């Protein structure tokens, strides 16, 4: 999997700021692109006819093109921002053949989600499903790894997207021991971090909309702990957020040191270099070392 940024045919000056864009109907009316864009918005988020509710914004984008509203305002390649799309490629590494392409706005979430679309489409059309998926860190999020491992049975040769390691000198979550059976973390001093500290009549999952569960230590334990300044100097107690896809993340981490994983990374770089002469790839791919 990889994505390339493709500049949209939309001028920077013909844009507005999200919901403040009020020039849709200037001149002879909105363009075909604008009409299709607004129709798609209404289809995905139909408005409710309630006179007591004020009209909400049509989009949350910071900058939207009046000419091509589906294009994404981005500065991802570096330099000044511009309107763009992403072309997302599913490539057979052994054959060096692009087996599917999906266009999306130039947004990381859309790019990653297109992977599911292409893999399902190739499986339906050609009866092919990858044994492993190779991609960069953008494809190593918890939900994506969960989809690969738990739902599709695909081996993830993808670096894990991980922000748990701290850079301020305090203890990282990796220094806390996870107990699967007890559903708790244990700090280096032996204190428990729990998802809840009281019994509910109806059990709760405590899963957030982001697909995580928060584990917290007791304030009493933390305030008397000799390691508090190393652990949570600016908080009353220590908290750790755990992904519901942590098992799939662990699978990806274990694979990272295997010869098969390293071979996949080399194959990926080789294919990228061979495709560099293609104008579609030239905006985003370079023949440089993996690290």
Foldseek 3Di string as FASTA:
>chain_A
DDKFKFADPFDPVQKDFFLPDDCQQPDPHHDPQVVVVLVVLCVVPPDDPDPVDDDDGSGNAGMAGSNHRQFHFDCVLHDHTHTIKMKAFDADLVVLDTPDIDIHHPDLVRNLVVVVVVQVVCCVPPVDHAQEDDDEQSCQELVNLCCQVVPVNHQYLYQHDDDQDDDPQADGPVQWDADPVVQWTAHPVGFTWHLDDDDDPDDDPCQDPVQKGKTWTDLVCLVPDPCNVRHPVPDSTHMDIGHPSVVSSVSNVVCNPDPVSVVVVVSVLVSLVVCCVPPRSVSPTDNDDPD
